[in-house]
């Protein structure tokens, strides 16, 4: 089931990507780089990350050049099933799940380029870690 909020996030991400493409900003990577955040509304670490770190991350050029997708999950649960993903990312679900090697928790993050997972992180990474991972993914 896709929620209205997630549809809005995906829609805005696609608009941003389309706008950059229309402006001729191809960047180093021809394949879109997607930062996926898996979090729970009842998770204190998730709430703190969204309240304190995400606003600062949104100001970085690396974040602005990527697509950001939020997928809700329970705190102790593994990566949700593919039907919880936006349709264009559903095929990446298994690779994302495998990148965590069976570990669960919240929040969890993944960077996907095409269908390839270039980075995954369990817990709340520093913004510097996310920016460096996005930059590496954009060069790949």
N, C-alpha and C. Protein backbone atom coordinates (compact mmCIF):
# COMPACT_ATOMS: atom_id res chain seq x y z
N UNK A 1 0.84 -1.17 0.00
CA UNK A 1 0.00 0.00 0.00
C UNK A 1 0.89 1.24 0.00
N UNK A 2 0.57 2.19 -0.86
CA UNK A 2 1.34 3.43 -0.95
C UNK A 2 0.55 4.53 -0.25
N UNK A 3 1.20 5.25 0.64
CA UNK A 3 0.53 6.31 1.37
C UNK A 3 0.57 7.61 0.59
N UNK A 4 -0.31 8.52 0.88
CA UNK A 4 -0.35 9.81 0.21
C UNK A 4 0.94 10.58 0.44
N UNK A 5 1.45 10.49 1.67
CA UNK A 5 2.68 11.21 1.99
C UNK A 5 3.84 10.69 1.16
N UNK A 6 3.95 9.35 1.07
CA UNK A 6 5.04 8.76 0.28
C UNK A 6 4.87 9.12 -1.18
N UNK A 7 3.65 9.10 -1.70
CA UNK A 7 3.43 9.49 -3.08
C UNK A 7 3.89 10.91 -3.31
N UNK A 8 3.62 11.78 -2.34
CA UNK A 8 4.04 13.18 -2.46
C UNK A 8 5.56 13.28 -2.46
N UNK A 9 6.22 12.53 -1.59
CA UNK A 9 7.69 12.56 -1.53
C UNK A 9 8.27 12.08 -2.86
N UNK A 10 7.74 10.98 -3.38
CA UNK A 10 8.23 10.44 -4.66
C UNK A 10 7.96 11.43 -5.77
N UNK A 11 6.77 12.00 -5.79
CA UNK A 11 6.41 12.96 -6.83
C UNK A 11 7.34 14.15 -6.81
N UNK A 12 7.59 14.70 -5.62
CA UNK A 12 8.48 15.86 -5.52
C UNK A 12 9.90 15.49 -5.93
N UNK A 13 10.33 14.30 -5.57
CA UNK A 13 11.66 13.84 -5.98
C UNK A 13 11.77 13.72 -7.48
N UNK A 14 10.73 13.19 -8.11
CA UNK A 14 10.74 13.07 -9.57
C UNK A 14 10.70 14.43 -10.25
N UNK A 15 9.94 15.36 -9.70
CA UNK A 15 9.89 16.70 -10.26
C UNK A 15 11.27 17.35 -10.18
N UNK A 16 11.93 17.20 -9.04
CA UNK A 16 13.27 17.76 -8.88
C UNK A 16 14.24 17.17 -9.88
N UNK A 17 14.18 15.85 -10.07
CA UNK A 17 15.06 15.19 -11.02
C UNK A 17 14.76 15.65 -12.43
N UNK A 18 13.46 15.73 -12.78
CA UNK A 18 13.08 16.16 -14.11
C UNK A 18 13.49 17.61 -14.36
N UNK A 19 13.38 18.43 -13.34
CA UNK A 19 13.77 19.84 -13.48
C UNK A 19 15.26 19.98 -13.73
N UNK A 20 16.07 19.19 -13.04
CA UNK A 20 17.52 19.25 -13.26
C UNK A 20 17.84 18.76 -14.66
N UNK A 21 17.15 17.71 -15.11
CA UNK A 21 17.41 17.18 -16.44
C UNK A 21 17.02 18.19 -17.51
N UNK A 22 15.89 18.86 -17.32
CA UNK A 22 15.44 19.85 -18.29
C UNK A 22 16.40 21.03 -18.36
N UNK A 23 17.05 21.33 -17.24
CA UNK A 23 17.99 22.45 -17.20
C UNK A 23 19.34 22.05 -17.79
N UNK A 24 19.48 20.79 -18.20
CA UNK A 24 20.71 20.34 -18.82
C UNK A 24 21.78 19.95 -17.81
N UNK A 25 21.41 19.78 -16.55
CA UNK A 25 22.36 19.42 -15.50
C UNK A 25 22.45 17.90 -15.42
N UNK A 26 23.27 17.32 -16.28
CA UNK A 26 23.41 15.87 -16.29
C UNK A 26 24.25 15.37 -15.14
N UNK A 27 25.22 16.16 -14.70
CA UNK A 27 26.10 15.73 -13.63
C UNK A 27 26.94 14.55 -14.06
N UNK A 28 27.82 14.07 -13.21
CA UNK A 28 28.69 12.96 -13.57
C UNK A 28 27.95 11.65 -13.82
N UNK A 29 26.89 11.38 -13.05
CA UNK A 29 26.16 10.12 -13.20
C UNK A 29 24.92 10.32 -14.05
N UNK A 30 24.76 9.45 -15.05
CA UNK A 30 23.57 9.52 -15.91
C UNK A 30 22.39 8.81 -15.25
N UNK A 31 22.68 7.95 -14.30
CA UNK A 31 21.65 7.20 -13.59
C UNK A 31 21.32 7.96 -12.31
N UNK A 32 20.03 8.12 -11.99
CA UNK A 32 19.69 8.86 -10.77
C UNK A 32 20.23 8.19 -9.50
N UNK A 33 20.67 9.03 -8.59
CA UNK A 33 21.15 8.58 -7.29
C UNK A 33 20.01 8.82 -6.30
N UNK A 34 19.62 7.78 -5.59
CA UNK A 34 18.51 7.87 -4.65
C UNK A 34 18.98 7.54 -3.24
N UNK A 35 18.70 8.46 -2.32
CA UNK A 35 18.94 8.23 -0.90
C UNK A 35 17.61 7.78 -0.30
N UNK A 36 17.59 6.58 0.26
CA UNK A 36 16.36 6.06 0.85
C UNK A 36 16.53 6.03 2.37
N UNK A 37 15.56 6.60 3.04
CA UNK A 37 15.51 6.62 4.50
C UNK A 37 14.39 5.70 4.95
N UNK A 38 14.72 4.74 5.80
CA UNK A 38 13.74 3.83 6.38
C UNK A 38 13.63 4.18 7.86
N UNK A 39 12.48 4.67 8.29
CA UNK A 39 12.34 5.07 9.68
C UNK A 39 10.94 4.80 10.20
N UNK A 40 10.80 4.97 11.50
CA UNK A 40 9.52 4.74 12.17
C UNK A 40 9.12 6.00 12.92
N UNK A 41 7.84 6.31 12.89
CA UNK A 41 7.35 7.52 13.57
C UNK A 41 7.48 7.41 15.09
N UNK A 42 7.55 6.20 15.62
CA UNK A 42 7.68 6.02 17.07
C UNK A 42 9.13 5.77 17.50
N UNK A 43 10.07 6.05 16.63
CA UNK A 43 11.49 5.84 16.88
C UNK A 43 12.14 7.16 17.29
N UNK A 44 12.64 7.29 18.52
CA UNK A 44 13.26 8.55 18.96
C UNK A 44 14.46 8.96 18.10
N UNK A 45 15.30 7.99 17.73
CA UNK A 45 16.46 8.32 16.90
C UNK A 45 16.01 8.82 15.53
N UNK A 46 14.97 8.21 14.98
CA UNK A 46 14.44 8.64 13.68
C UNK A 46 13.90 10.07 13.77
N UNK A 47 13.12 10.32 14.79
CA UNK A 47 12.55 11.67 14.97
C UNK A 47 13.64 12.71 15.11
N UNK A 48 14.67 12.40 15.90
CA UNK A 48 15.77 13.35 16.07
C UNK A 48 16.52 13.58 14.76
N UNK A 49 16.76 12.51 14.00
CA UNK A 49 17.44 12.67 12.72
C UNK A 49 16.63 13.57 11.79
N UNK A 50 15.34 13.32 11.72
CA UNK A 50 14.50 14.13 10.83
C UNK A 50 14.41 15.58 11.32
N UNK A 51 14.41 15.79 12.62
CA UNK A 51 14.26 17.14 13.17
C UNK A 51 15.56 17.94 13.09
N UNK A 52 16.70 17.31 13.39
CA UNK A 52 17.95 18.05 13.50
C UNK A 52 18.88 17.89 12.31
N UNK A 53 19.03 16.66 11.82
CA UNK A 53 20.02 16.41 10.76
C UNK A 53 19.47 16.62 9.35
N UNK A 54 18.26 16.16 9.10
CA UNK A 54 17.70 16.27 7.75
C UNK A 54 17.63 17.71 7.26
N UNK A 55 17.18 18.68 8.05
CA UNK A 55 17.14 20.06 7.53
C UNK A 55 18.52 20.57 7.09
N UNK A 56 19.56 20.23 7.84
CA UNK A 56 20.92 20.65 7.47
C UNK A 56 21.39 19.90 6.23
N UNK A 57 21.06 18.62 6.15
CA UNK A 57 21.44 17.81 4.98
C UNK A 57 20.79 18.35 3.71
N UNK A 58 19.55 18.80 3.82
CA UNK A 58 18.83 19.34 2.66
C UNK A 58 19.51 20.58 2.07
N UNK A 59 20.36 21.24 2.85
CA UNK A 59 21.05 22.43 2.37
C UNK A 59 22.29 22.10 1.54
N UNK A 60 22.73 20.85 1.56
CA UNK A 60 23.95 20.48 0.84
C UNK A 60 23.67 20.26 -0.65
N UNK A 61 24.68 20.54 -1.46
CA UNK A 61 24.55 20.34 -2.91
C UNK A 61 24.38 18.86 -3.25
N UNK A 62 25.04 18.00 -2.51
CA UNK A 62 24.93 16.56 -2.79
C UNK A 62 23.50 16.07 -2.58
N UNK A 63 22.86 16.52 -1.52
CA UNK A 63 21.48 16.13 -1.26
C UNK A 63 20.56 16.70 -2.35
N UNK A 64 20.77 17.95 -2.70
CA UNK A 64 19.93 18.59 -3.72
C UNK A 64 20.04 17.89 -5.07
N UNK A 65 21.20 17.28 -5.34
CA UNK A 65 21.41 16.61 -6.62
C UNK A 65 20.86 15.19 -6.63
N UNK A 66 20.46 14.68 -5.48
CA UNK A 66 19.95 13.32 -5.37
C UNK A 66 18.44 13.34 -5.17
N UNK A 67 17.87 12.19 -5.29
CA UNK A 67 16.44 11.99 -4.99
C UNK A 67 16.37 11.44 -3.58
N UNK A 68 15.44 11.93 -2.78
CA UNK A 68 15.25 11.46 -1.41
C UNK A 68 13.90 10.77 -1.30
N UNK A 69 13.91 9.56 -0.77
CA UNK A 69 12.68 8.78 -0.60
C UNK A 69 12.61 8.32 0.85
N UNK A 70 11.46 8.49 1.46
CA UNK A 70 11.22 8.03 2.82
C UNK A 70 10.26 6.86 2.78
N UNK A 71 10.64 5.76 3.44
CA UNK A 71 9.79 4.58 3.53
C UNK A 71 9.63 4.25 5.01
N UNK A 72 8.40 4.21 5.47
CA UNK A 72 8.12 3.92 6.88
C UNK A 72 8.28 2.42 7.14
N UNK A 73 8.85 2.11 8.32
CA UNK A 73 8.98 0.73 8.76
C UNK A 73 8.91 0.71 10.28
N UNK A 74 8.69 -0.44 10.84
CA UNK A 74 8.68 -0.59 12.29
C UNK A 74 10.13 -0.59 12.80
N UNK A 75 10.32 -0.22 14.05
CA UNK A 75 11.68 -0.12 14.61
C UNK A 75 12.44 -1.44 14.49
N UNK A 76 11.90 -2.56 15.02
CA UNK A 76 12.72 -3.78 15.00
C UNK A 76 12.60 -4.58 13.70
N UNK A 77 11.95 -4.05 12.71
CA UNK A 77 11.67 -4.82 11.49
C UNK A 77 12.79 -4.69 10.46
N UNK A 78 12.91 -5.70 9.60
CA UNK A 78 13.86 -5.59 8.48
C UNK A 78 13.31 -4.63 7.42
N UNK A 79 14.02 -4.52 6.33
CA UNK A 79 13.57 -3.67 5.22
C UNK A 79 12.19 -4.15 4.77
N UNK A 80 11.24 -3.23 4.58
CA UNK A 80 9.87 -3.63 4.20
C UNK A 80 9.83 -4.34 2.84
N UNK A 81 8.70 -4.97 2.57
CA UNK A 81 8.52 -5.67 1.29
C UNK A 81 8.49 -4.66 0.14
N UNK A 82 8.72 -5.17 -1.07
CA UNK A 82 8.83 -4.33 -2.27
C UNK A 82 7.56 -3.52 -2.53
N UNK A 83 6.40 -3.99 -2.08
CA UNK A 83 5.17 -3.24 -2.34
C UNK A 83 5.10 -1.94 -1.54
N UNK A 84 5.98 -1.75 -0.58
CA UNK A 84 6.06 -0.50 0.19
C UNK A 84 6.98 0.51 -0.48
N UNK A 85 7.72 0.08 -1.50
CA UNK A 85 8.65 0.93 -2.23
C UNK A 85 7.95 1.64 -3.39
N UNK A 86 8.47 2.80 -3.80
CA UNK A 86 7.98 3.37 -5.06
C UNK A 86 8.22 2.35 -6.17
N UNK A 87 7.35 2.28 -7.17
CA UNK A 87 7.47 1.25 -8.21
C UNK A 87 8.84 1.17 -8.87
N UNK A 88 9.48 2.30 -9.11
CA UNK A 88 10.77 2.27 -9.79
C UNK A 88 11.92 1.80 -8.91
N UNK A 89 11.69 1.67 -7.60
CA UNK A 89 12.73 1.19 -6.69
C UNK A 89 12.45 -0.21 -6.15
N UNK A 90 11.29 -0.76 -6.46
CA UNK A 90 10.90 -2.07 -5.91
C UNK A 90 11.92 -3.16 -6.26
N UNK A 91 12.49 -3.10 -7.44
CA UNK A 91 13.45 -4.12 -7.86
C UNK A 91 14.73 -4.07 -7.03
N UNK A 92 14.98 -2.96 -6.35
CA UNK A 92 16.19 -2.81 -5.53
C UNK A 92 16.00 -3.34 -4.11
N UNK A 93 14.79 -3.71 -3.75
CA UNK A 93 14.48 -4.11 -2.38
C UNK A 93 15.37 -5.23 -1.87
N UNK A 94 15.53 -6.30 -2.65
CA UNK A 94 16.32 -7.44 -2.19
C UNK A 94 17.79 -7.07 -2.00
N UNK A 95 18.33 -6.30 -2.93
CA UNK A 95 19.73 -5.87 -2.81
C UNK A 95 19.93 -4.99 -1.58
N UNK A 96 18.97 -4.12 -1.30
CA UNK A 96 19.04 -3.27 -0.11
C UNK A 96 19.01 -4.14 1.14
N UNK A 97 18.06 -5.06 1.18
CA UNK A 97 17.93 -5.94 2.34
C UNK A 97 19.21 -6.75 2.55
N UNK A 98 19.78 -7.29 1.49
CA UNK A 98 21.01 -8.07 1.59
C UNK A 98 22.18 -7.23 2.08
N UNK A 99 22.17 -5.94 1.75
CA UNK A 99 23.29 -5.08 2.18
C UNK A 99 23.35 -4.93 3.70
N UNK A 100 22.23 -5.18 4.38
CA UNK A 100 22.20 -5.09 5.84
C UNK A 100 22.51 -6.42 6.53
N UNK A 101 22.70 -7.48 5.74
CA UNK A 101 23.12 -8.79 6.26
C UNK A 101 22.27 -9.28 7.43
N UNK A 102 20.95 -9.10 7.30
CA UNK A 102 20.03 -9.61 8.31
C UNK A 102 19.83 -8.73 9.53
N UNK A 103 20.55 -7.63 9.62
CA UNK A 103 20.39 -6.74 10.77
C UNK A 103 19.11 -5.93 10.63
N UNK A 104 18.51 -5.62 11.76
CA UNK A 104 17.29 -4.83 11.78
C UNK A 104 17.49 -3.62 12.67
N UNK A 105 16.55 -2.72 12.64
CA UNK A 105 16.61 -1.52 13.47
C UNK A 105 16.09 -0.32 12.71
N UNK A 106 16.09 0.79 13.37
CA UNK A 106 15.67 2.05 12.75
C UNK A 106 16.49 3.17 13.36
N UNK A 107 16.85 4.14 12.57
CA UNK A 107 16.65 4.24 11.13
C UNK A 107 17.66 3.40 10.36
N UNK A 108 17.34 3.23 9.07
CA UNK A 108 18.24 2.56 8.13
C UNK A 108 18.27 3.43 6.88
N UNK A 109 19.41 3.45 6.22
CA UNK A 109 19.59 4.27 5.02
C UNK A 109 20.22 3.43 3.93
N UNK A 110 19.91 3.77 2.69
CA UNK A 110 20.56 3.13 1.55
C UNK A 110 20.67 4.15 0.43
N UNK A 111 21.74 4.05 -0.32
CA UNK A 111 21.88 4.84 -1.55
C UNK A 111 21.86 3.85 -2.70
N UNK A 112 21.00 4.13 -3.67
CA UNK A 112 20.82 3.25 -4.82
C UNK A 112 21.12 4.05 -6.08
N UNK A 113 21.93 3.46 -6.95
CA UNK A 113 22.22 4.03 -8.27
C UNK A 113 21.72 2.99 -9.26
N UNK A 114 20.65 3.33 -9.97
CA UNK A 114 19.99 2.33 -10.81
C UNK A 114 19.38 1.30 -9.88
N UNK A 115 19.83 0.05 -9.99
CA UNK A 115 19.38 -1.00 -9.07
C UNK A 115 20.51 -1.46 -8.15
N UNK A 116 21.63 -0.75 -8.19
CA UNK A 116 22.82 -1.11 -7.42
C UNK A 116 22.88 -0.32 -6.12
N UNK A 117 23.07 -1.03 -5.02
CA UNK A 117 23.21 -0.39 -3.71
C UNK A 117 24.67 0.00 -3.54
N UNK A 118 24.94 1.29 -3.37
CA UNK A 118 26.32 1.74 -3.23
C UNK A 118 26.69 2.01 -1.77
N UNK A 119 25.68 2.12 -0.89
CA UNK A 119 25.95 2.44 0.52
C UNK A 119 24.72 2.08 1.32
N UNK A 120 24.93 1.52 2.49
CA UNK A 120 23.83 1.29 3.42
C UNK A 120 24.35 1.55 4.83
N UNK A 121 23.44 1.97 5.69
CA UNK A 121 23.83 2.37 7.04
C UNK A 121 22.67 2.11 7.99
N UNK A 122 22.97 1.51 9.12
CA UNK A 122 21.96 1.27 10.15
C UNK A 122 22.28 2.16 11.33
N UNK A 123 21.32 2.97 11.74
CA UNK A 123 21.53 3.96 12.79
C UNK A 123 21.43 5.35 12.17
N UNK A 124 21.90 6.33 12.89
CA UNK A 124 21.84 7.71 12.42
C UNK A 124 23.24 8.16 12.00
N UNK A 125 23.51 8.20 10.70
CA UNK A 125 24.83 8.63 10.24
C UNK A 125 25.00 10.14 10.40
N UNK A 126 26.23 10.58 10.44
CA UNK A 126 26.46 12.03 10.43
C UNK A 126 26.16 12.55 9.04
N UNK A 127 25.86 13.81 8.94
CA UNK A 127 25.61 14.39 7.63
C UNK A 127 26.83 14.27 6.74
N UNK A 128 28.01 14.37 7.31
CA UNK A 128 29.23 14.23 6.52
C UNK A 128 29.30 12.83 5.90
N UNK A 129 28.93 11.81 6.65
CA UNK A 129 28.93 10.45 6.10
C UNK A 129 27.95 10.33 4.94
N UNK A 130 26.78 10.93 5.07
CA UNK A 130 25.78 10.85 4.00
C UNK A 130 26.27 11.61 2.78
N UNK A 131 26.81 12.80 2.97
CA UNK A 131 27.29 13.61 1.84
C UNK A 131 28.42 12.87 1.12
N UNK A 132 29.36 12.32 1.87
CA UNK A 132 30.47 11.59 1.24
C UNK A 132 29.96 10.36 0.46
N UNK A 133 28.98 9.67 1.00
CA UNK A 133 28.40 8.51 0.32
C UNK A 133 27.66 8.95 -0.95
N UNK A 134 26.93 10.07 -0.88
CA UNK A 134 26.24 10.58 -2.07
C UNK A 134 27.25 10.99 -3.14
N UNK A 135 28.31 11.67 -2.74
CA UNK A 135 29.33 12.10 -3.69
C UNK A 135 29.97 10.91 -4.37
N UNK A 136 30.29 9.87 -3.61
CA UNK A 136 30.88 8.66 -4.18
C UNK A 136 29.91 8.00 -5.16
N UNK A 137 28.63 7.96 -4.80
CA UNK A 137 27.62 7.35 -5.67
C UNK A 137 27.46 8.14 -6.97
N UNK A 138 27.55 9.44 -6.88
CA UNK A 138 27.39 10.29 -8.07
C UNK A 138 28.57 10.15 -9.03
N UNK A 139 29.72 9.73 -8.52
CA UNK A 139 30.90 9.51 -9.36
C UNK A 139 30.90 8.14 -9.99
N UNK A 140 30.07 7.25 -9.47
CA UNK A 140 30.09 5.86 -9.97
C UNK A 140 29.32 5.71 -11.27
